[in-house]
Amino acid sequence: MHPLVGRRALVSGGAALLALAACSRAPGQGATGRLRIATGNRGAVFDRYGAALAQEAAVRMPAVEPEVVRSRGSIDNVRLVLGGRAEVGFCLGDTARRAFEGDLGLDGRADLVAVTRLYDSFLQVLVPRRSRIRTVADLGGRRVAAGQVGSGTRLVVERCLAAAGRPADADRLVDLPLATAVVALETGRVDALAFVSGFPVPSLVDLGERLPLRALDLGGLFPTLSARPGGEDYVAGPLPAAPYGLPEAVQTVSVKTSMLTRRDLPDDLVAGFASVIYDRQTALARRAPDVRQPTLAAAVFTQPIPLHPGSMTYLRRRYAAGG
């Protein structure tokens, strides 16, 4: 063999091996920069899951600096992401839709994209078991801890009250973070506590061990909610009794939940973060054992929010490999 031919073959073969190595490298391993994850109330599911994601992102993407940014919730998270104070953020589906369509009081339509759809978040309305409050209609004139202004919980509660034919009275909806709301319900400063989150919420599990609780059945609201604009973001489902020590399970409404980001984030950073969400689930479950893991089958259903190109690349690779 002519030496030049052999050298060319060697170079060609080496290039092929390098390309193969690049293709086989785990997503995000070459990513750099910051990864601030906007979560929510301290101790709630967004916060606990976000902390686990940050820890596993440091494992998967060693040149990236992950950090949890606590917030009031979904609306705050949209503002943090759009304002460059977070790279990604948890967001309830109805909040994301309203931001994307320019109906959230922001400066026009929010140019958001999604990393993936996550689990569904449940509206949980709890009262002391001895309370005379039995239905949403009974909340009239009562003080309800209904999330903070700037939270997705507040938006969902207002929509549910409207579906029940009751106006959202600002004097009745008390602006409290979750930890303070738990104490307020236990001490009688509020009559009910409403919170939208993955299920169960650890602080509400603890509350149920100290104070006998009952949950309001919200199943009757679903037909009205689902028939209104944005109703496709809501799903009807059961709220189990055991975790909070409830006397019985009830029907409630859940909201699709996504992880949002900006269009200008580098593809390798977003692909790497998507791989943390799906490829590191065993490790994530050890860090946050009560958090329901998202499924690849539902990952792309973030409509009307489009997927970020980096996330699309990662998901196509996973689907091509058979999930």
C-alpha atoms as a PDB file:
ATOM      1  CA  MET A   1       0.000   0.000   0.000  1.00  0.00           C
ATOM      2  CA  HIS A   2       1.253   3.447  -0.868  1.00  0.00           C
ATOM      3  CA  PRO A   3       2.168   5.348   2.369  1.00  0.00           C
ATOM      4  CA  LEU A   4      -0.046   8.284   1.391  1.00  0.00           C
ATOM      5  CA  VAL A   5      -3.031   6.002   0.856  1.00  0.00           C
ATOM      6  CA  GLY A   6      -2.424   4.375   4.236  1.00  0.00           C
ATOM      7  CA  ARG A   7      -2.144   7.777   5.911  1.00  0.00           C
ATOM      8  CA  ARG A   8      -5.354   8.973   4.266  1.00  0.00           C
ATOM      9  CA  ALA A   9      -7.140   5.839   5.397  1.00  0.00           C
ATOM     10  CA  LEU A  10      -5.843   6.345   8.924  1.00  0.00           C
ATOM     11  CA  VAL A  11      -6.974   9.990   8.988  1.00  0.00           C
ATOM     12  CA  SER A  12     -10.348   9.045   7.511  1.00  0.00           C
ATOM     13  CA  GLY A  13     -10.773   6.238   9.998  1.00  0.00           C
ATOM     14  CA  GLY A  14      -9.745   8.496  12.863  1.00  0.00           C
ATOM     15  CA  ALA A  15     -12.270  11.124  11.808  1.00  0.00           C
ATOM     16  CA  ALA A  16     -14.962   8.478  11.697  1.00  0.00           C
ATOM     17  CA  LEU A  17     -14.026   7.297  15.185  1.00  0.00           C
ATOM     18  CA  LEU A  18     -14.110  10.873  16.486  1.00  0.00           C
ATOM     19  CA  ALA A  19     -17.540  11.407  14.914  1.00  0.00           C
ATOM     20  CA  LEU A  20     -18.754   8.149  16.455  1.00  0.00           C
ATOM     21  CA  ALA A  21     -17.411   9.192  19.844  1.00  0.00           C
ATOM     22  CA  ALA A  22     -19.147  12.560  19.554  1.00  0.00           C
ATOM     23  CA  CYS A  23     -22.426  10.841  18.696  1.00  0.00           C
ATOM     24  CA  SER A  24     -22.091   8.390  21.581  1.00  0.00           C
ATOM     25  CA  ARG A  25     -21.222  11.088  24.137  1.00  0.00           C
ATOM     26  CA  ALA A  26     -24.016  11.680  26.619  1.00  0.00           C
ATOM     27  CA  PRO A  27     -26.110  14.793  25.848  1.00  0.00           C
ATOM     28  CA  GLY A  28     -24.912  17.912  27.605  1.00  0.00           C
ATOM     29  CA  GLN A  29     -21.451  16.675  28.548  1.00  0.00           C
ATOM     30  CA  GLY A  30     -19.884  19.490  26.541  1.00  0.00           C
ATOM     31  CA  ALA A  31     -22.330  22.135  27.795  1.00  0.00           C
ATOM     32  CA  THR A  32     -21.057  25.094  29.819  1.00  0.00           C
ATOM     33  CA  GLY A  33     -22.525  28.045  31.679  1.00  0.00           C
ATOM     34  CA  ARG A  34     -25.230  28.563  34.281  1.00  0.00           C
ATOM     35  CA  LEU A  35     -28.399  26.531  34.752  1.00  0.00           C
ATOM     36  CA  ARG A  36     -30.674  28.371  37.174  1.00  0.00           C
ATOM     37  CA  ILE A  37     -33.891  26.416  37.791  1.00  0.00           C
ATOM     38  CA  ALA A  38     -36.869  28.534  38.897  1.00  0.00           C
ATOM     39  CA  THR A  39     -38.971  26.369  41.210  1.00  0.00           C
ATOM     40  CA  GLY A  40     -41.565  27.566  43.729  1.00  0.00           C
ATOM     41  CA  ASN A  41     -42.442  27.477  47.426  1.00  0.00           C
ATOM     42  CA  ARG A  42     -39.830  26.058  49.788  1.00  0.00           C
ATOM     43  CA  GLY A  43     -40.514  22.385  50.527  1.00  0.00           C
ATOM     44  CA  ALA A  44     -43.190  21.952  47.839  1.00  0.00           C
ATOM     45  CA  VAL A  45     -42.804  19.529  44.928  1.00  0.00           C
ATOM     46  CA  PHE A  46     -41.377  22.055  42.433  1.00  0.00           C
ATOM     47  CA  ASP A  47     -38.731  22.978  45.005  1.00  0.00           C
ATOM     48  CA  ARG A  48     -37.812  19.404  45.964  1.00  0.00           C
ATOM     49  CA  TYR A  49     -37.771  18.133  42.394  1.00  0.00           C
ATOM     50  CA  GLY A  50     -35.860  21.211  41.228  1.00  0.00           C
ATOM     51  CA  ALA A  51     -33.182  20.616  43.876  1.00  0.00           C
ATOM     52  CA  ALA A  52     -32.845  16.987  42.750  1.00  0.00           C
ATOM     53  CA  LEU A  53     -32.555  18.080  39.106  1.00  0.00           C
ATOM     54  CA  ALA A  54     -29.848  20.603  39.993  1.00  0.00           C
ATOM     55  CA  GLN A  55     -27.846  17.928  41.826  1.00  0.00           C
ATOM     56  CA  GLU A  56     -28.110  15.458  38.948  1.00  0.00           C
ATOM     57  CA  ALA A  57     -27.352  18.167  36.368  1.00  0.00           C
ATOM     58  CA  ALA A  58     -24.031  18.692  38.143  1.00  0.00           C
ATOM     59  CA  VAL A  59     -23.318  14.972  37.632  1.00  0.00           C
ATOM     60  CA  ARG A  60     -24.388  14.824  33.969  1.00  0.00           C
ATOM     61  CA  MET A  61     -22.971  18.239  32.932  1.00  0.00           C
ATOM     62  CA  PRO A  62     -19.786  18.822  34.964  1.00  0.00           C
ATOM     63  CA  ALA A  63     -18.942  22.155  33.276  1.00  0.00           C
ATOM     64  CA  VAL A  64     -22.399  23.609  34.033  1.00  0.00           C
ATOM     65  CA  GLU A  65     -23.232  25.527  37.238  1.00  0.00           C
ATOM     66  CA  PRO A  66     -26.723  24.437  38.403  1.00  0.00           C
ATOM     67  CA  GLU A  67     -28.648  26.484  40.945  1.00  0.00           C
ATOM     68  CA  VAL A  68     -32.184  26.487  42.367  1.00  0.00           C
ATOM     69  CA  VAL A  69     -34.051  29.811  42.323  1.00  0.00           C
ATOM     70  CA  ARG A  70     -37.063  29.773  44.647  1.00  0.00           C
ATOM     71  CA  SER A  71     -40.079  31.822  43.626  1.00  0.00           C
ATOM     72  CA  ARG A  72     -43.766  32.419  44.238  1.00  0.00           C
ATOM     73  CA  GLY A  73     -44.610  29.928  41.485  1.00  0.00           C
ATOM     74  CA  SER A  74     -45.465  29.688  37.805  1.00  0.00           C
ATOM     75  CA  ILE A  75     -46.087  33.346  36.935  1.00  0.00           C
ATOM     76  CA  ASP A  76     -42.939  34.369  38.775  1.00  0.00           C
ATOM     77  CA  ASN A  77     -41.044  31.628  36.937  1.00  0.00           C
ATOM     78  CA  VAL A  78     -42.163  32.946  33.549  1.00  0.00           C
ATOM     79  CA  ARG A  79     -40.878  36.392  34.496  1.00  0.00           C
ATOM     80  CA  LEU A  80     -37.587  34.978  35.813  1.00  0.00           C
ATOM     81  CA  VAL A  81     -36.955  33.003  32.617  1.00  0.00           C
ATOM     82  CA  LEU A  82     -37.926  35.837  30.272  1.00  0.00           C
ATOM     83  CA  GLY A  83     -35.906  38.325  32.305  1.00  0.00           C
ATOM     84  CA  GLY A  84     -32.736  36.234  32.151  1.00  0.00           C
ATOM     85  CA  ARG A  85     -32.696  35.545  35.894  1.00  0.00           C
ATOM     86  CA  ALA A  86     -33.273  31.816  35.355  1.00  0.00           C
ATOM     87  CA  GLU A  87     -32.534  29.523  32.419  1.00  0.00           C
ATOM     88  CA  VAL A  88     -35.453  27.135  32.985  1.00  0.00           C
ATOM     89  CA  GLY A  89     -38.575  27.137  35.151  1.00  0.00           C
ATOM     90  CA  PHE A  90     -41.490  24.981  36.219  1.00  0.00           C
ATOM     91  CA  CYS A  91     -44.841  26.239  34.943  1.00  0.00           C
ATOM     92  CA  LEU A  92     -48.457  25.107  35.107  1.00  0.00           C
ATOM     93  CA  GLY A  93     -50.020  24.650  31.681  1.00  0.00           C
ATOM     94  CA  ASP A  94     -52.703  27.316  31.943  1.00  0.00           C
ATOM     95  CA  THR A  95     -50.146  29.905  33.064  1.00  0.00           C
ATOM     96  CA  ALA A  96     -47.817  28.951  30.204  1.00  0.00           C
ATOM     97  CA  ARG A  97     -50.636  29.163  27.657  1.00  0.00           C
ATOM     98  CA  ARG A  98     -51.768  32.592  28.838  1.00  0.00           C
ATOM     99  CA  ALA A  99     -48.186  33.900  28.766  1.00  0.00           C
ATOM    100  CA  PHE A 100     -47.619  32.500  25.279  1.00  0.00           C
ATOM    101  CA  GLU A 101     -50.877  33.984  23.997  1.00  0.00           C
ATOM    102  CA  GLY A 102     -50.211  37.401  25.556  1.00  0.00           C
ATOM    103  CA  ASP A 103     -52.935  37.150  28.191  1.00  0.00           C
ATOM    104  CA  LEU A 104     -50.867  37.230  31.393  1.00  0.00           C
ATOM    105  CA  GLY A 105     -50.321  40.959  31.846  1.00  0.00           C
ATOM    106  CA  LEU A 106     -46.798  40.778  30.453  1.00  0.00           C
ATOM    107  CA  ASP A 107     -45.501  42.962  27.628  1.00  0.00           C
ATOM    108  CA  GLY A 108     -47.202  41.108  24.782  1.00  0.00           C
ATOM    109  CA  ARG A 109     -46.782  37.451  23.884  1.00  0.00           C
ATOM    110  CA  ALA A 110     -44.063  35.624  25.796  1.00  0.00           C
ATOM    111  CA  ASP A 111     -41.464  34.051  23.481  1.00  0.00           C
ATOM    112  CA  LEU A 112     -41.240  30.836  25.481  1.00  0.00           C
ATOM    113  CA  VAL A 113     -40.287  27.310  24.473  1.00  0.00           C
ATOM    114  CA  ALA A 114     -40.462  24.086  26.455  1.00  0.00           C
ATOM    115  CA  VAL A 115     -37.872  21.584  27.562  1.00  0.00           C
ATOM    116  CA  THR A 116     -40.570  18.969  28.126  1.00  0.00           C
ATOM    117  CA  ARG A 117     -43.938  18.263  29.661  1.00  0.00           C
ATOM    118  CA  LEU A 118     -43.618  16.985  33.213  1.00  0.00           C
ATOM    119  CA  TYR A 119     -46.207  15.377  35.511  1.00  0.00           C
ATOM    120  CA  ASP A 120     -49.686  16.791  36.207  1.00  0.00           C
ATOM    121  CA  SER A 121     -50.203  19.052  39.234  1.00  0.00           C
ATOM    122  CA  PHE A 122     -53.316  18.653  41.400  1.00  0.00           C
ATOM    123  CA  LEU A 123     -55.508  21.332  42.937  1.00  0.00           C
ATOM    124  CA  GLN A 124     -55.808  20.375  46.594  1.00  0.00           C
ATOM    125  CA  VAL A 125     -58.338  22.278  48.718  1.00  0.00           C
ATOM    126  CA  LEU A 126     -58.098  21.206  52.358  1.00  0.00           C
ATOM    127  CA  VAL A 127     -60.121  22.155  55.431  1.00  0.00           C
ATOM    128  CA  PRO A 128     -60.089  20.901  59.026  1.00  0.00           C
ATOM    129  CA  ARG A 129     -62.268  17.797  59.225  1.00  0.00           C
ATOM    130  CA  ARG A 130     -64.571  19.490  61.751  1.00  0.00           C
ATOM    131  CA  SER A 131     -65.205  22.408  59.335  1.00  0.00           C
ATOM    132  CA  ARG A 132     -68.698  23.052  57.978  1.00  0.00           C
ATOM    133  CA  ILE A 133     -67.198  23.836  54.563  1.00  0.00           C
ATOM    134  CA  ARG A 134     -68.257  21.019  52.242  1.00  0.00           C
ATOM    135  CA  THR A 135     -68.232  22.515  48.732  1.00  0.00           C
ATOM    136  CA  VAL A 136     -66.624  25.325  46.769  1.00  0.00           C
ATOM    137  CA  ALA A 137     -69.868  27.288  47.245  1.00  0.00           C
ATOM    138  CA  ASP A 138     -69.279  27.161  51.021  1.00  0.00           C
ATOM    139  CA  LEU A 139     -66.040  29.140  50.594  1.00  0.00           C
ATOM    140  CA  GLY A 140     -68.070  32.337  50.190  1.00  0.00           C
ATOM    141  CA  GLY A 141     -66.991  34.808  52.858  1.00  0.00           C
ATOM    142  CA  ARG A 142     -64.272  32.461  54.155  1.00  0.00           C
ATOM    143  CA  ARG A 143     -60.545  33.214  54.253  1.00  0.00           C
ATOM    144  CA  VAL A 144     -58.718  30.917  51.848  1.00  0.00           C
ATOM    145  CA  ALA A 145     -54.944  30.586  51.629  1.00  0.00           C
ATOM    146  CA  ALA A 146     -54.824  30.336  47.836  1.00  0.00           C
ATOM    147  CA  GLY A 147     -51.188  30.642  46.883  1.00  0.00           C
ATOM    148  CA  GLN A 148     -49.307  33.876  46.432  1.00  0.00           C
ATOM    149  CA  VAL A 149     -49.873  36.604  43.901  1.00  0.00           C
ATOM    150  CA  GLY A 150     -47.526  35.568  41.106  1.00  0.00           C
ATOM    151  CA  SER A 151     -48.258  31.875  41.533  1.00  0.00           C
ATOM    152  CA  GLY A 152     -49.959  29.403  39.239  1.00  0.00           C
ATOM    153  CA  THR A 153     -52.023  28.260  42.234  1.00  0.00           C
ATOM    154  CA  ARG A 154     -53.693  31.669  42.483  1.00  0.00           C
ATOM    155  CA  LEU A 155     -54.573  31.597  38.778  1.00  0.00           C
ATOM    156  CA  VAL A 156     -56.059  28.075  38.999  1.00  0.00           C
ATOM    157  CA  VAL A 157     -58.059  28.901  42.135  1.00  0.00           C
ATOM    158  CA  GLU A 158     -59.500  32.023  40.511  1.00  0.00           C
ATOM    159  CA  ARG A 159     -60.521  30.030  37.425  1.00  0.00           C
ATOM    160  CA  CYS A 160     -62.122  27.331  39.573  1.00  0.00           C
ATOM    161  CA  LEU A 161     -64.064  29.889  41.600  1.00  0.00           C
ATOM    162  CA  ALA A 162     -65.283  31.448  38.356  1.00  0.00           C
ATOM    163  CA  ALA A 163     -66.353  28.015  37.104  1.00  0.00           C
ATOM    164  CA  ALA A 164     -68.323  27.596  40.334  1.00  0.00           C
ATOM    165  CA  GLY A 165     -70.026  30.936  39.714  1.00  0.00           C
ATOM    166  CA  ARG A 166     -68.189  32.753  42.486  1.00  0.00           C
ATOM    167  CA  PRO A 167     -66.012  35.866  41.967  1.00  0.00           C
ATOM    168  CA  ALA A 168     -62.421  35.758  43.228  1.00  0.00           C
ATOM    169  CA  ASP A 169     -62.615  38.191  46.150  1.00  0.00           C
ATOM    170  CA  ALA A 170     -59.152  39.598  46.871  1.00  0.00           C
ATOM    171  CA  ASP A 171     -60.090  40.084  50.551  1.00  0.00           C
ATOM    172  CA  ARG A 172     -60.940  36.409  50.815  1.00  0.00           C
ATOM    173  CA  LEU A 173     -57.930  34.962  48.976  1.00  0.00           C
ATOM    174  CA  VAL A 174     -55.043  35.305  51.409  1.00  0.00           C
ATOM    175  CA  ASP A 175     -51.548  35.778  49.981  1.00  0.00           C
ATOM    176  CA  LEU A 176     -49.346  33.284  51.873  1.00  0.00           C
ATOM    177  CA  PRO A 177     -46.441  31.008  50.963  1.00  0.00           C
ATOM    178  CA  LEU A 178     -47.120  27.326  51.562  1.00  0.00           C
ATOM    179  CA  ALA A 179     -45.246  26.982  54.861  1.00  0.00           C
ATOM    180  CA  THR A 180     -47.098  29.963  56.368  1.00  0.00           C
ATOM    181  CA  ALA A 181     -50.420  28.769  54.935  1.00  0.00           C
ATOM    182  CA  VAL A 182     -49.996  25.399  56.691  1.00  0.00           C
ATOM    183  CA  VAL A 183     -49.537  27.150  60.047  1.00  0.00           C
ATOM    184  CA  ALA A 184     -52.458  29.492  59.304  1.00  0.00           C
ATOM    185  CA  LEU A 185     -54.831  26.575  58.656  1.00  0.00           C
ATOM    186  CA  GLU A 186     -53.637  24.727  61.745  1.00  0.00           C
ATOM    187  CA  THR A 187     -54.134  27.758  63.983  1.00  0.00           C
ATOM    188  CA  GLY A 188     -57.452  28.844  62.474  1.00  0.00           C
ATOM    189  CA  ARG A 189     -56.195  32.060  60.831  1.00  0.00           C
ATOM    190  CA  VAL A 190     -57.596  30.783  57.521  1.00  0.00           C
ATOM    191  CA  ASP A 191     -60.576  28.511  56.904  1.00  0.00           C
ATOM    192  CA  ALA A 192     -59.189  26.589  53.921  1.00  0.00           C
ATOM    193  CA  LEU A 193     -55.919  25.978  52.131  1.00  0.00           C
ATOM    194  CA  ALA A 194     -55.717  25.628  48.352  1.00  0.00           C
ATOM    195  CA  PHE A 195     -52.510  24.583  46.621  1.00  0.00           C
ATOM    196  CA  VAL A 196     -51.651  23.276  43.159  1.00  0.00           C
ATOM    197  CA  SER A 197     -48.751  20.837  43.139  1.00  0.00           C
ATOM    198  CA  GLY A 198     -47.614  17.345  42.443  1.00  0.00           C
ATOM    199  CA  PHE A 199     -49.100  14.888  44.933  1.00  0.00           C
ATOM    200  CA  PRO A 200     -48.447  14.402  47.791  1.00  0.00           C
ATOM    201  CA  VAL A 201     -46.971  17.587  49.254  1.00  0.00           C
ATOM    202  CA  PRO A 202     -44.679  16.667  52.201  1.00  0.00           C
ATOM    203  CA  SER A 203     -45.716  19.625  54.370  1.00  0.00           C
ATOM    204  CA  LEU A 204     -49.389  18.708  53.883  1.00  0.00           C
ATOM    205  CA  VAL A 205     -48.628  15.085  54.759  1.00  0.00           C
ATOM    206  CA  ASP A 206     -47.077  16.365  57.998  1.00  0.00           C
ATOM    207  CA  LEU A 207     -50.077  18.640  58.609  1.00  0.00           C
ATOM    208  CA  GLY A 208     -52.448  15.682  58.228  1.00  0.00           C
ATOM    209  CA  GLU A 209     -50.600  13.891  61.018  1.00  0.00           C
ATOM    210  CA  ARG A 210     -51.247  16.822  63.386  1.00  0.00           C
ATOM    211  CA  LEU A 211     -54.677  18.009  62.237  1.00  0.00           C
ATOM    212  CA  PRO A 212     -57.490  15.801  60.879  1.00  0.00           C
ATOM    213  CA  LEU A 213     -58.184  17.064  57.356  1.00  0.00           C
ATOM    214  CA  ARG A 214     -60.849  16.796  54.691  1.00  0.00           C
ATOM    215  CA  ALA A 215     -60.511  17.660  50.991  1.00  0.00           C
ATOM    216  CA  LEU A 216     -63.239  19.354  48.954  1.00  0.00           C
ATOM    217  CA  ASP A 217     -64.561  17.402  45.994  1.00  0.00           C
ATOM    218  CA  LEU A 218     -63.931  19.507  42.878  1.00  0.00           C
ATOM    219  CA  GLY A 219     -64.999  17.019  40.213  1.00  0.00           C
ATOM    220  CA  GLY A 220     -68.140  19.000  39.414  1.00  0.00           C
ATOM    221  CA  LEU A 221     -66.036  21.946  38.205  1.00  0.00           C
ATOM    222  CA  PHE A 222     -64.324  20.026  35.426  1.00  0.00           C
ATOM    223  CA  PRO A 223     -67.064  20.183  32.727  1.00  0.00           C
ATOM    224  CA  THR A 224     -67.225  23.990  33.005  1.00  0.00           C
ATOM    225  CA  LEU A 225     -63.446  24.409  33.196  1.00  0.00           C
ATOM    226  CA  SER A 226     -62.780  22.154  30.223  1.00  0.00           C
ATOM    227  CA  ALA A 227     -65.373  23.954  28.075  1.00  0.00           C
ATOM    228  CA  ARG A 228     -63.726  27.355  28.527  1.00  0.00           C
ATOM    229  CA  PRO A 229     -60.725  28.721  26.582  1.00  0.00           C
ATOM    230  CA  GLY A 230     -57.596  26.925  27.778  1.00  0.00           C
ATOM    231  CA  GLY A 231     -59.703  24.095  29.171  1.00  0.00           C
ATOM    232  CA  GLU A 232     -57.493  21.533  27.443  1.00  0.00           C
ATOM    233  CA  ASP A 233     -54.872  22.245  30.114  1.00  0.00           C
ATOM    234  CA  TYR A 234     -57.097  20.646  32.775  1.00  0.00           C
ATOM    235  CA  VAL A 235     -57.689  16.971  33.529  1.00  0.00           C
ATOM    236  CA  ALA A 236     -60.127  15.393  36.010  1.00  0.00           C
ATOM    237  CA  GLY A 237     -58.758  12.863  38.437  1.00  0.00           C
ATOM    238  CA  PRO A 238     -58.861  11.446  41.979  1.00  0.00           C
ATOM    239  CA  LEU A 239     -57.111  12.825  45.034  1.00  0.00           C
ATOM    240  CA  PRO A 240     -56.202   9.757  47.143  1.00  0.00           C
ATOM    241  CA  ALA A 241     -57.067   9.703  50.827  1.00  0.00           C
ATOM    242  CA  ALA A 242     -54.116   7.947  52.441  1.00  0.00           C
ATOM    243  CA  PRO A 243     -51.192  10.438  52.246  1.00  0.00           C
ATOM    244  CA  TYR A 244     -53.060  13.217  54.085  1.00  0.00           C
ATOM    245  CA  GLY A 245     -55.145  10.898  56.281  1.00  0.00           C
ATOM    246  CA  LEU A 246     -58.391  12.015  54.615  1.00  0.00           C
ATOM    247  CA  PRO A 247     -61.628  10.194  55.480  1.00  0.00           C
ATOM    248  CA  GLU A 248     -62.194   9.491  51.780  1.00  0.00           C
ATOM    249  CA  ALA A 249     -60.738  10.120  48.332  1.00  0.00           C
ATOM    250  CA  VAL A 250     -62.305  12.923  46.283  1.00  0.00           C
ATOM    251  CA  GLN A 251     -62.317  14.076  42.690  1.00  0.00           C
ATOM    252  CA  THR A 252     -60.263  17.110  41.779  1.00  0.00           C
ATOM    253  CA  VAL A 253     -58.809  18.856  38.744  1.00  0.00           C
ATOM    254  CA  SER A 254     -55.201  18.606  37.686  1.00  0.00           C
ATOM    255  CA  VAL A 255     -53.190  20.876  35.442  1.00  0.00           C
ATOM    256  CA  LYS A 256     -50.586  19.908  32.881  1.00  0.00           C
ATOM    257  CA  THR A 257     -47.132  21.038  33.961  1.00  0.00           C
ATOM    258  CA  SER A 258     -44.097  21.841  31.804  1.00  0.00           C
ATOM    259  CA  MET A 259     -40.493  22.924  32.133  1.00  0.00           C
ATOM    260  CA  LEU A 260     -40.070  26.176  30.189  1.00  0.00           C
ATOM    261  CA  THR A 261     -37.019  27.949  28.828  1.00  0.00           C
ATOM    262  CA  ARG A 262     -35.960  30.627  26.333  1.00  0.00           C
ATOM    263  CA  ARG A 263     -35.375  30.113  22.650  1.00  0.00           C
ATOM    264  CA  ASP A 264     -31.804  31.482  22.850  1.00  0.00           C
ATOM    265  CA  LEU A 265     -30.485  28.851  25.272  1.00  0.00           C
ATOM    266  CA  PRO A 266     -27.776  26.663  23.654  1.00  0.00           C
ATOM    267  CA  ASP A 267     -29.033  23.393  22.212  1.00  0.00           C
ATOM    268  CA  ASP A 268     -26.481  21.273  24.071  1.00  0.00           C
ATOM    269  CA  LEU A 269     -27.455  22.793  27.428  1.00  0.00           C
ATOM    270  CA  VAL A 270     -31.165  22.116  26.876  1.00  0.00           C
ATOM    271  CA  ALA A 271     -30.539  18.624  25.468  1.00  0.00           C
ATOM    272  CA  GLY A 272     -28.360  17.883  28.484  1.00  0.00           C
ATOM    273  CA  PHE A 273     -31.034  19.090  30.899  1.00  0.00           C
ATOM    274  CA  ALA A 274     -33.669  16.999  29.106  1.00  0.00           C
ATOM    275  CA  SER A 275     -31.381  13.994  29.483  1.00  0.00           C
ATOM    276  CA  VAL A 276     -31.131  14.681  33.214  1.00  0.00           C
ATOM    277  CA  ILE A 277     -34.943  14.603  33.463  1.00  0.00           C
ATOM    278  CA  TYR A 278     -35.251  11.264  31.653  1.00  0.00           C
ATOM    279  CA  ASP A 279     -31.906   9.450  31.834  1.00  0.00           C
ATOM    280  CA  ARG A 280     -31.257  10.120  35.537  1.00  0.00           C
ATOM    281  CA  GLN A 281     -34.660   9.087  36.893  1.00  0.00           C
ATOM    282  CA  THR A 282     -33.332   6.353  39.169  1.00  0.00           C
ATOM    283  CA  ALA A 283     -30.961   8.813  40.837  1.00  0.00           C
ATOM    284  CA  LEU A 284     -33.676  11.504  40.930  1.00  0.00           C
ATOM    285  CA  ALA A 285     -36.043   9.091  42.672  1.00  0.00           C
ATOM    286  CA  ARG A 286     -33.442   8.536  45.387  1.00  0.00           C
ATOM    287  CA  ARG A 287     -33.106  12.281  45.933  1.00  0.00           C
ATOM    288  CA  ALA A 288     -36.859  13.048  45.794  1.00  0.00           C
ATOM    289  CA  PRO A 289     -38.639   9.713  46.383  1.00  0.00           C
ATOM    290  CA  ASP A 290     -42.181  11.123  46.540  1.00  0.00           C
ATOM    291  CA  VAL A 291     -42.014  13.014  43.243  1.00  0.00           C
ATOM    292  CA  ARG A 292     -43.784  11.458  40.286  1.00  0.00           C
ATOM    293  CA  GLN A 293     -41.372  11.105  37.358  1.00  0.00           C
ATOM    294  CA  PRO A 294     -42.446  12.382  33.911  1.00  0.00           C
ATOM    295  CA  THR A 295     -42.807   9.897  31.065  1.00  0.00           C
ATOM    296  CA  LEU A 296     -41.213  10.018  27.615  1.00  0.00           C
ATOM    297  CA  ALA A 297     -44.585   9.146  26.065  1.00  0.00           C
ATOM    298  CA  ALA A 298     -45.987  12.523  27.177  1.00  0.00           C
ATOM    299  CA  ALA A 299     -42.779  14.561  26.799  1.00  0.00           C
ATOM    300  CA  VAL A 300     -43.678  16.307  23.523  1.00  0.00           C
ATOM    301  CA  PHE A 301     -47.216  17.352  24.497  1.00  0.00           C
ATOM    302  CA  THR A 302     -46.443  20.940  25.509  1.00  0.00           C
ATOM    303  CA  GLN A 303     -48.856  22.646  23.058  1.00  0.00           C
ATOM    304  CA  PRO A 304     -49.235  25.478  22.324  1.00  0.00           C
ATOM    305  CA  ILE A 305     -45.672  26.016  23.595  1.00  0.00           C
ATOM    306  CA  PRO A 306     -43.172  24.633  21.032  1.00  0.00           C
ATOM    307  CA  LEU A 307     -40.270  22.451  22.107  1.00  0.00           C
ATOM    308  CA  HIS A 308     -36.762  23.906  22.194  1.00  0.00           C
ATOM    309  CA  PRO A 309     -34.608  22.499  19.317  1.00  0.00           C
ATOM    310  CA  GLY A 310     -32.154  20.990  21.814  1.00  0.00           C
ATOM    311  CA  SER A 311     -34.952  19.115  23.516  1.00  0.00           C
ATOM    312  CA  MET A 312     -36.333  17.950  20.158  1.00  0.00           C
ATOM    313  CA  THR A 313     -32.896  16.559  19.248  1.00  0.00           C
ATOM    314  CA  TYR A 314     -32.646  14.663  22.522  1.00  0.00           C
ATOM    315  CA  LEU A 315     -36.197  13.271  22.362  1.00  0.00           C
ATOM    316  CA  ARG A 316     -35.826  12.144  18.739  1.00  0.00           C
ATOM    317  CA  ARG A 317     -32.686  10.271  19.745  1.00  0.00           C
ATOM    318  CA  ARG A 318     -34.516   8.577  22.618  1.00  0.00           C
ATOM    319  CA  TYR A 319     -37.536   7.698  20.484  1.00  0.00           C
ATOM    320  CA  ALA A 320     -35.289   6.318  17.733  1.00  0.00           C
ATOM    321  CA  ALA A 321     -33.593   4.136  20.343  1.00  0.00           C
ATOM    322  CA  GLY A 322     -36.967   2.779  21.411  1.00  0.00           C
ATOM    323  CA  GLY A 323     -37.417   5.051  24.413  1.00  0.00           C
END
